[in-house]
Amino acid sequence: MQQLTRSTVLNSMRVGETSIEIMQPLPTTPLKTQQWVDNFKQLFSLEASESDWGADRFQVVLSSTSSDPFFQCVLCIEWLCESMWLEPIGTQQDTAALVRYLHNADE
């Protein structure tokens, strides 16, 4: 797995109408998944809720650590379809706001 940096994540994003696909290699084990999420959280000043594991999927709610701007999204990893993406949570949040947050999050 390549080194995860802010620029590699931001450059690998494909923005859709309802989600942002992260075009990165998927973590190969539960431990590597947790390490990836921990690194992602640190890079973008996010906190994580309790993660949810399925047979071929992983989900966790990520929240900004500050209240300005406060942001929440779901990180989804699905090994069956080999995809990783973020979905904004809330009626006032959309993919454009999520992209703005990720570009402006404290390092």
N, C-alpha and C. Protein backbone atom coordinates (compact mmCIF):
# COMPACT_ATOMS: atom_id res chain seq x y z
N MET A 1 0.85 -1.17 0.00
CA MET A 1 0.00 0.00 0.00
C MET A 1 0.89 1.24 0.00
N GLN A 2 0.56 2.20 -0.85
CA GLN A 2 1.36 3.41 -0.94
C GLN A 2 1.13 4.31 0.26
N GLN A 3 2.08 5.20 0.50
CA GLN A 3 1.99 6.16 1.59
C GLN A 3 0.76 7.04 1.40
N LEU A 4 -0.05 7.15 2.44
CA LEU A 4 -1.25 7.97 2.36
C LEU A 4 -0.89 9.39 2.80
N THR A 5 -1.08 10.34 1.90
CA THR A 5 -0.85 11.75 2.20
C THR A 5 -2.08 12.54 1.79
N ARG A 6 -2.16 13.77 2.28
CA ARG A 6 -3.29 14.64 1.88
C ARG A 6 -3.35 14.76 0.36
N SER A 7 -2.21 15.00 -0.26
CA SER A 7 -2.22 15.21 -1.72
C SER A 7 -2.60 13.95 -2.47
N THR A 8 -2.16 12.76 -2.01
CA THR A 8 -2.55 11.54 -2.73
C THR A 8 -4.05 11.30 -2.63
N VAL A 9 -4.62 11.59 -1.46
CA VAL A 9 -6.07 11.42 -1.30
C VAL A 9 -6.81 12.45 -2.16
N LEU A 10 -6.45 13.71 -2.03
CA LEU A 10 -7.15 14.76 -2.78
C LEU A 10 -7.04 14.55 -4.29
N ASN A 11 -5.88 14.11 -4.74
CA ASN A 11 -5.69 13.87 -6.17
C ASN A 11 -6.39 12.61 -6.68
N SER A 12 -6.76 11.72 -5.75
CA SER A 12 -7.40 10.47 -6.17
C SER A 12 -8.92 10.51 -6.05
N MET A 13 -9.46 11.67 -5.68
CA MET A 13 -10.92 11.76 -5.50
C MET A 13 -11.63 11.94 -6.84
N ARG A 14 -12.72 11.20 -6.98
CA ARG A 14 -13.62 11.36 -8.13
C ARG A 14 -14.97 11.78 -7.54
N VAL A 15 -15.33 13.04 -7.77
CA VAL A 15 -16.53 13.61 -7.16
C VAL A 15 -17.76 13.28 -8.00
N GLY A 16 -18.75 12.68 -7.34
CA GLY A 16 -20.03 12.40 -7.97
C GLY A 16 -21.11 13.25 -7.34
N GLU A 17 -22.34 13.01 -7.74
CA GLU A 17 -23.46 13.81 -7.24
C GLU A 17 -23.74 13.55 -5.76
N THR A 18 -23.63 12.27 -5.34
CA THR A 18 -23.96 11.93 -3.96
C THR A 18 -22.81 11.34 -3.17
N SER A 19 -21.67 11.12 -3.81
CA SER A 19 -20.53 10.54 -3.10
C SER A 19 -19.22 10.96 -3.76
N ILE A 20 -18.13 10.72 -3.03
CA ILE A 20 -16.79 10.98 -3.55
C ILE A 20 -16.04 9.66 -3.50
N GLU A 21 -15.69 9.14 -4.64
CA GLU A 21 -14.94 7.90 -4.70
C GLU A 21 -13.47 8.21 -4.47
N ILE A 22 -12.83 7.40 -3.65
CA ILE A 22 -11.41 7.54 -3.39
C ILE A 22 -10.70 6.43 -4.15
N MET A 23 -9.99 6.82 -5.18
CA MET A 23 -9.35 5.88 -6.09
C MET A 23 -7.97 5.50 -5.55
N GLN A 24 -7.97 4.80 -4.43
CA GLN A 24 -6.76 4.33 -3.77
C GLN A 24 -6.84 2.81 -3.65
N PRO A 25 -5.69 2.15 -3.54
CA PRO A 25 -5.72 0.70 -3.29
C PRO A 25 -6.45 0.42 -1.98
N LEU A 26 -7.30 -0.60 -1.96
CA LEU A 26 -8.04 -0.93 -0.75
C LEU A 26 -7.13 -1.62 0.26
N PRO A 27 -7.34 -1.36 1.55
CA PRO A 27 -6.59 -2.08 2.57
C PRO A 27 -6.89 -3.58 2.44
N THR A 28 -5.91 -4.41 2.74
CA THR A 28 -6.06 -5.85 2.49
C THR A 28 -6.45 -6.67 3.71
N THR A 29 -6.36 -6.09 4.90
CA THR A 29 -6.71 -6.81 6.12
C THR A 29 -7.47 -5.87 7.06
N PRO A 30 -8.15 -6.42 8.07
CA PRO A 30 -8.80 -5.53 9.05
C PRO A 30 -7.81 -4.59 9.75
N LEU A 31 -6.61 -5.06 10.07
CA LEU A 31 -5.62 -4.20 10.70
C LEU A 31 -5.20 -3.08 9.76
N LYS A 32 -4.94 -3.39 8.51
CA LYS A 32 -4.55 -2.37 7.54
C LYS A 32 -5.70 -1.39 7.30
N THR A 33 -6.94 -1.87 7.37
CA THR A 33 -8.10 -0.98 7.24
C THR A 33 -8.12 0.02 8.38
N GLN A 34 -7.93 -0.47 9.62
CA GLN A 34 -7.92 0.43 10.77
C GLN A 34 -6.77 1.42 10.68
N GLN A 35 -5.61 0.97 10.24
CA GLN A 35 -4.47 1.87 10.08
C GLN A 35 -4.76 2.94 9.02
N TRP A 36 -5.40 2.53 7.92
CA TRP A 36 -5.75 3.48 6.85
C TRP A 36 -6.70 4.54 7.40
N VAL A 37 -7.73 4.09 8.12
CA VAL A 37 -8.72 5.03 8.68
C VAL A 37 -8.05 5.96 9.69
N ASP A 38 -7.18 5.42 10.54
CA ASP A 38 -6.49 6.26 11.52
C ASP A 38 -5.64 7.32 10.83
N ASN A 39 -4.95 6.95 9.78
CA ASN A 39 -4.13 7.90 9.03
C ASN A 39 -5.02 8.95 8.35
N PHE A 40 -6.12 8.51 7.73
CA PHE A 40 -7.06 9.42 7.07
C PHE A 40 -7.62 10.42 8.07
N LYS A 41 -8.02 9.94 9.24
CA LYS A 41 -8.55 10.82 10.29
C LYS A 41 -7.54 11.89 10.68
N GLN A 42 -6.30 11.48 10.85
CA GLN A 42 -5.26 12.41 11.24
C GLN A 42 -5.00 13.45 10.15
N LEU A 43 -4.96 13.01 8.89
CA LEU A 43 -4.69 13.92 7.78
C LEU A 43 -5.75 15.01 7.64
N PHE A 44 -7.01 14.67 7.95
CA PHE A 44 -8.12 15.60 7.69
C PHE A 44 -8.86 16.05 8.96
N SER A 45 -8.22 15.92 10.12
CA SER A 45 -8.80 16.39 11.39
C SER A 45 -10.21 15.85 11.60
N LEU A 46 -10.32 14.53 11.59
CA LEU A 46 -11.62 13.87 11.74
C LEU A 46 -11.60 12.92 12.94
N GLU A 47 -12.78 12.70 13.50
CA GLU A 47 -12.98 11.70 14.54
C GLU A 47 -13.87 10.62 13.96
N ALA A 48 -13.74 9.40 14.46
CA ALA A 48 -14.52 8.28 13.93
C ALA A 48 -15.45 7.72 14.99
N SER A 49 -16.63 7.30 14.55
CA SER A 49 -17.55 6.59 15.42
C SER A 49 -17.13 5.11 15.46
N GLU A 50 -17.91 4.32 16.11
CA GLU A 50 -17.67 2.87 16.11
C GLU A 50 -17.82 2.35 14.69
N SER A 51 -16.88 1.55 14.25
CA SER A 51 -16.94 1.05 12.88
C SER A 51 -17.91 -0.13 12.77
N ASP A 52 -18.40 -0.33 11.56
CA ASP A 52 -19.36 -1.40 11.26
C ASP A 52 -18.75 -2.30 10.19
N TRP A 53 -18.56 -3.56 10.54
CA TRP A 53 -17.96 -4.52 9.61
C TRP A 53 -19.01 -5.48 9.10
N GLY A 54 -18.92 -5.82 7.82
CA GLY A 54 -19.73 -6.86 7.21
C GLY A 54 -18.80 -7.87 6.56
N ALA A 55 -19.37 -8.83 5.88
CA ALA A 55 -18.55 -9.88 5.25
C ALA A 55 -17.57 -9.30 4.24
N ASP A 56 -18.01 -8.29 3.49
CA ASP A 56 -17.14 -7.72 2.46
C ASP A 56 -17.19 -6.20 2.45
N ARG A 57 -17.56 -5.61 3.60
CA ARG A 57 -17.67 -4.16 3.65
C ARG A 57 -17.28 -3.63 5.02
N PHE A 58 -16.95 -2.34 5.03
CA PHE A 58 -16.59 -1.61 6.24
C PHE A 58 -17.22 -0.23 6.13
N GLN A 59 -17.79 0.27 7.25
CA GLN A 59 -18.34 1.62 7.27
C GLN A 59 -18.01 2.27 8.60
N VAL A 60 -17.78 3.57 8.55
CA VAL A 60 -17.55 4.34 9.76
C VAL A 60 -18.00 5.78 9.50
N VAL A 61 -18.61 6.39 10.51
CA VAL A 61 -19.00 7.80 10.42
C VAL A 61 -17.81 8.62 10.88
N LEU A 62 -17.43 9.58 10.05
CA LEU A 62 -16.34 10.50 10.36
C LEU A 62 -16.91 11.89 10.59
N SER A 63 -16.42 12.57 11.63
CA SER A 63 -16.90 13.91 11.98
C SER A 63 -15.71 14.83 12.12
N SER A 64 -15.90 16.09 11.73
CA SER A 64 -14.83 17.07 11.91
C SER A 64 -14.59 17.28 13.39
N THR A 65 -13.35 17.61 13.74
CA THR A 65 -13.01 17.81 15.14
C THR A 65 -13.34 19.22 15.62
N SER A 66 -13.63 20.12 14.69
CA SER A 66 -14.00 21.49 15.08
C SER A 66 -15.45 21.74 14.72
N SER A 67 -16.01 22.77 15.31
CA SER A 67 -17.41 23.08 15.03
C SER A 67 -17.54 24.05 13.86
N ASP A 68 -16.43 24.54 13.35
CA ASP A 68 -16.50 25.53 12.27
C ASP A 68 -15.50 25.20 11.17
N PRO A 69 -15.90 24.60 10.09
CA PRO A 69 -17.24 24.07 9.85
C PRO A 69 -17.36 22.66 10.39
N PHE A 70 -18.50 22.34 10.96
CA PHE A 70 -18.76 20.97 11.41
C PHE A 70 -19.18 20.14 10.21
N PHE A 71 -18.63 18.96 10.09
CA PHE A 71 -18.96 18.13 8.95
C PHE A 71 -18.99 16.68 9.35
N GLN A 72 -19.92 15.92 8.77
CA GLN A 72 -20.00 14.47 8.97
C GLN A 72 -20.15 13.78 7.63
N CYS A 73 -19.52 12.61 7.54
CA CYS A 73 -19.67 11.79 6.35
C CYS A 73 -19.48 10.33 6.74
N VAL A 74 -19.87 9.45 5.85
CA VAL A 74 -19.66 8.01 6.04
C VAL A 74 -18.55 7.58 5.09
N LEU A 75 -17.56 6.89 5.64
CA LEU A 75 -16.54 6.26 4.82
C LEU A 75 -16.97 4.82 4.59
N CYS A 76 -17.08 4.43 3.34
CA CYS A 76 -17.49 3.07 2.98
C CYS A 76 -16.36 2.41 2.19
N ILE A 77 -16.05 1.19 2.56
CA ILE A 77 -15.10 0.38 1.81
C ILE A 77 -15.80 -0.92 1.49
N GLU A 78 -15.87 -1.28 0.22
CA GLU A 78 -16.50 -2.53 -0.20
C GLU A 78 -15.51 -3.31 -1.03
N TRP A 79 -15.11 -4.47 -0.51
CA TRP A 79 -14.13 -5.28 -1.21
C TRP A 79 -14.74 -6.03 -2.38
N LEU A 80 -16.02 -6.38 -2.31
CA LEU A 80 -16.68 -7.11 -3.40
C LEU A 80 -16.68 -6.28 -4.68
N CYS A 81 -16.98 -5.00 -4.58
CA CYS A 81 -16.98 -4.13 -5.76
C CYS A 81 -15.68 -3.32 -5.87
N GLU A 82 -14.73 -3.61 -4.97
CA GLU A 82 -13.42 -2.96 -4.99
C GLU A 82 -13.51 -1.45 -5.07
N SER A 83 -14.21 -0.88 -4.08
CA SER A 83 -14.46 0.56 -4.10
C SER A 83 -14.40 1.14 -2.69
N MET A 84 -13.99 2.40 -2.62
CA MET A 84 -13.94 3.15 -1.37
C MET A 84 -14.51 4.53 -1.65
N TRP A 85 -15.42 5.00 -0.79
CA TRP A 85 -16.04 6.31 -1.05
C TRP A 85 -16.51 6.97 0.24
N LEU A 86 -16.78 8.26 0.13
CA LEU A 86 -17.32 9.08 1.21
C LEU A 86 -18.70 9.57 0.81
N GLU A 87 -19.64 9.54 1.75
CA GLU A 87 -20.98 10.08 1.53
C GLU A 87 -21.28 11.11 2.62
N PRO A 88 -21.59 12.34 2.25
CA PRO A 88 -21.94 13.36 3.26
C PRO A 88 -23.21 12.95 4.01
N ILE A 89 -23.29 13.36 5.27
CA ILE A 89 -24.46 13.10 6.10
C ILE A 89 -25.11 14.43 6.43
N GLY A 90 -26.41 14.50 6.31
CA GLY A 90 -27.13 15.71 6.70
C GLY A 90 -27.70 16.45 5.51
N THR A 91 -28.75 17.18 5.77
CA THR A 91 -29.44 17.89 4.70
C THR A 91 -28.68 19.11 4.21
N GLN A 92 -27.81 19.67 5.03
CA GLN A 92 -27.07 20.87 4.64
C GLN A 92 -25.69 20.54 4.08
N GLN A 93 -25.40 19.25 3.91
CA GLN A 93 -24.08 18.86 3.45
C GLN A 93 -24.21 18.09 2.14
N ASP A 94 -23.27 18.35 1.24
CA ASP A 94 -23.27 17.66 -0.04
C ASP A 94 -21.82 17.40 -0.44
N THR A 95 -21.61 16.80 -1.59
CA THR A 95 -20.25 16.46 -2.00
C THR A 95 -19.38 17.71 -2.18
N ALA A 96 -19.95 18.79 -2.68
CA ALA A 96 -19.16 20.02 -2.86
C ALA A 96 -18.68 20.54 -1.51
N ALA A 97 -19.54 20.51 -0.50
CA ALA A 97 -19.14 20.95 0.84
C ALA A 97 -18.09 20.02 1.42
N LEU A 98 -18.22 18.72 1.17
CA LEU A 98 -17.22 17.76 1.65
C LEU A 98 -15.87 18.00 0.99
N VAL A 99 -15.86 18.25 -0.30
CA VAL A 99 -14.61 18.56 -1.01
C VAL A 99 -13.97 19.82 -0.42
N ARG A 100 -14.77 20.86 -0.19
CA ARG A 100 -14.25 22.09 0.42
C ARG A 100 -13.64 21.80 1.78
N TYR A 101 -14.36 21.01 2.58
CA TYR A 101 -13.85 20.67 3.92
C TYR A 101 -12.50 19.94 3.80
N LEU A 102 -12.42 18.93 2.96
CA LEU A 102 -11.18 18.15 2.84
C LEU A 102 -10.02 19.02 2.35
N HIS A 103 -10.29 19.93 1.46
CA HIS A 103 -9.22 20.81 0.97
C HIS A 103 -8.75 21.82 2.01
N ASN A 104 -9.66 22.18 2.93
CA ASN A 104 -9.34 23.22 3.91
C ASN A 104 -9.09 22.70 5.32
N ALA A 105 -9.20 21.37 5.54
CA ALA A 105 -9.01 20.80 6.88
C ALA A 105 -7.59 21.06 7.36
N ASP A 106 -7.48 21.29 8.66
CA ASP A 106 -6.15 21.49 9.26
C ASP A 106 -5.30 20.26 9.06
N GLU A 107 -4.03 20.51 8.84
CA GLU A 107 -3.09 19.39 8.71
C GLU A 107 -2.61 18.92 10.06
